[in-house]
Amino acid sequence: MEKARARALNVAPSAEFSIGELAQEFDVTPRAIRFYEDQGLLAPRRDGQRRIYTARDRTRLKLTLRGKRLGLSLSEIRELIDMYEPGRDARPQLERFLSVLESHKTSLLQQRADIEAQLTELDAFEKRVRKQLRRG
């Protein structure tokens, strides 16, 4: 399954990447990649001080960045990525992902409602202040 995933990404399953290559490809800093490594999201092989990332690490980085764009926490991202095992039923992972997405969406909708309420209140105060200023 990992081989099929790597082929789909046009990356050989045996491909190796440096931290600089991944940073450039995904437009992130090496520091960010090291942070994701510290958080348990990536596990590169070491050759002395040099980190060697595999196609699996590349995929995990891509999924991590996608999760961040969706607003997921690193612990949520790690949980979802760690649930994936080649050859295993993906249903539990997908169900958990759906649950995380629904929860996040609910939170964002509440934030939007709160912002809209604040904007309405600001508009009302702005009108009052402008009216008072016109009166002199």
Protein backbone atom coordinates (compact mmCIF):
# COMPACT_ATOMS: atom_id res chain seq x y z
CA MET A 1 0.00 0.00 0.00
CA GLU A 2 2.87 2.42 0.80
CA LYS A 3 4.31 1.65 -2.64
CA ALA A 4 0.97 2.39 -4.30
CA ARG A 5 0.71 5.66 -2.39
CA ALA A 6 4.25 6.65 -3.38
CA ARG A 7 3.53 5.84 -7.04
CA ALA A 8 0.39 7.97 -6.91
CA LEU A 9 2.55 10.86 -5.72
CA ASN A 10 5.12 10.18 -8.47
CA VAL A 11 7.71 9.37 -5.80
CA ALA A 12 9.56 6.10 -5.68
CA PRO A 13 8.89 4.26 -2.40
CA SER A 14 12.64 4.01 -1.89
CA ALA A 15 13.17 7.75 -2.49
CA GLU A 16 15.12 9.68 0.08
CA PHE A 17 15.02 13.39 0.79
CA SER A 18 17.08 15.87 2.75
CA ILE A 19 15.47 18.33 5.10
CA GLY A 20 16.32 21.11 2.65
CA GLU A 21 14.60 19.32 -0.23
CA LEU A 22 11.41 18.83 1.78
CA ALA A 23 11.51 22.38 3.07
CA GLN A 24 11.81 23.72 -0.46
CA GLU A 25 9.16 21.40 -1.91
CA PHE A 26 6.56 22.25 0.72
CA ASP A 27 7.63 25.88 1.27
CA VAL A 28 8.29 25.44 4.99
CA THR A 29 11.41 26.06 7.03
CA PRO A 30 13.77 23.28 8.12
CA ARG A 31 12.97 24.42 11.66
CA ALA A 32 9.27 23.62 11.07
CA ILE A 33 10.19 20.15 9.81
CA ARG A 34 12.38 19.55 12.88
CA PHE A 35 9.46 20.71 15.06
CA TYR A 36 7.14 18.18 13.38
CA GLU A 37 9.81 15.57 14.00
CA ASP A 38 9.94 16.54 17.70
CA GLN A 39 6.14 16.17 17.82
CA GLY A 40 6.39 12.58 16.56
CA LEU A 41 4.93 13.27 13.12
CA LEU A 42 8.12 12.46 11.22
CA ALA A 43 10.84 9.90 11.93
CA PRO A 44 13.82 10.38 9.63
CA ARG A 45 16.79 8.06 9.61
CA ARG A 46 20.05 9.60 10.76
CA ASP A 47 23.40 9.51 9.04
CA GLY A 48 25.56 11.29 11.59
CA GLN A 49 24.00 14.74 11.91
CA ARG A 50 22.18 14.43 8.57
CA ARG A 51 18.48 13.57 8.53
CA ILE A 52 17.32 11.28 5.75
CA TYR A 53 13.59 11.37 5.05
CA THR A 54 11.73 8.62 3.19
CA ALA A 55 8.71 8.72 0.90
CA ARG A 56 6.67 7.82 4.01
CA ASP A 57 8.02 10.88 5.86
CA ARG A 58 7.25 13.02 2.80
CA THR A 59 3.65 11.77 2.79
CA ARG A 60 3.32 12.37 6.53
CA LEU A 61 4.65 15.92 6.10
CA LYS A 62 2.20 16.55 3.28
CA LEU A 63 -0.69 15.26 5.42
CA THR A 64 0.51 17.30 8.40
CA LEU A 65 0.54 20.51 6.36
CA ARG A 66 -2.88 19.70 4.90
CA GLY A 67 -4.22 19.15 8.43
CA LYS A 68 -2.74 22.47 9.56
CA ARG A 69 -4.46 24.24 6.64
CA LEU A 70 -7.73 22.70 7.84
CA GLY A 71 -7.01 24.10 11.30
CA LEU A 72 -6.44 20.76 13.01
CA SER A 73 -4.18 20.55 16.03
CA LEU A 74 -0.92 18.63 15.79
CA SER A 75 -2.24 16.03 18.22
CA GLU A 76 -5.31 15.50 16.01
CA ILE A 77 -3.11 15.23 12.94
CA ARG A 78 -0.75 12.77 14.65
CA GLU A 79 -3.67 10.66 15.85
CA LEU A 80 -5.15 10.45 12.35
CA ILE A 81 -1.85 9.74 10.62
CA ASP A 82 -0.88 7.13 13.21
CA MET A 83 -4.17 5.30 12.65
CA TYR A 84 -3.16 4.53 9.07
CA GLU A 85 -1.61 1.14 8.51
CA PRO A 86 -1.14 -0.28 5.03
CA GLY A 87 -3.44 -3.21 4.35
CA ARG A 88 -5.75 -2.43 7.27
CA ASP A 89 -9.34 -1.31 7.07
CA ALA A 90 -9.28 2.48 6.66
CA ARG A 91 -12.82 2.86 8.01
CA PRO A 92 -11.86 3.64 11.64
CA GLN A 93 -9.41 6.31 10.45
CA LEU A 94 -11.99 7.83 8.11
CA GLU A 95 -14.68 7.81 10.81
CA ARG A 96 -12.33 9.52 13.27
CA PHE A 97 -11.32 12.04 10.58
CA LEU A 98 -14.98 12.83 9.93
CA SER A 99 -15.56 13.29 13.66
CA VAL A 100 -12.59 15.68 13.93
CA LEU A 101 -13.77 17.63 10.87
CA GLU A 102 -17.33 17.93 12.22
CA SER A 103 -16.05 19.16 15.59
CA HIS A 104 -13.74 21.68 13.95
CA LYS A 105 -16.50 22.89 11.62
CA THR A 106 -18.86 23.39 14.58
CA SER A 107 -16.19 25.44 16.34
CA LEU A 108 -15.56 27.59 13.25
CA LEU A 109 -19.28 28.19 12.74
CA GLN A 110 -19.58 29.35 16.36
CA GLN A 111 -16.58 31.65 15.90
CA ARG A 112 -18.17 33.09 12.75
CA ALA A 113 -21.45 33.70 14.61
CA ASP A 114 -19.54 35.40 17.43
CA ILE A 115 -17.66 37.61 14.96
CA GLU A 116 -20.87 38.56 13.15
CA ALA A 117 -22.50 39.48 16.46
CA GLN A 118 -19.51 41.64 17.38
CA LEU A 119 -19.57 43.33 13.97
CA THR A 120 -23.28 44.09 14.37
CA GLU A 121 -22.62 45.62 17.79
CA LEU A 122 -19.69 47.64 16.44
CA ASP A 123 -21.85 48.97 13.61
CA ALA A 124 -24.51 50.05 16.10
CA PHE A 125 -21.96 51.87 18.29
CA GLU A 126 -20.36 53.45 15.24
CA LYS A 127 -23.74 54.82 14.09
CA ARG A 128 -24.44 56.23 17.56
CA VAL A 129 -21.06 57.92 17.77
CA ARG A 130 -21.37 59.39 14.24
CA LYS A 131 -24.88 60.66 15.10
CA GLN A 132 -23.54 62.31 18.28
CA LEU A 133 -20.69 63.90 16.32
CA ARG A 134 -23.12 65.36 13.75
CA ARG A 135 -25.16 66.92 16.57
CA GLY A 136 -22.04 68.64 17.73
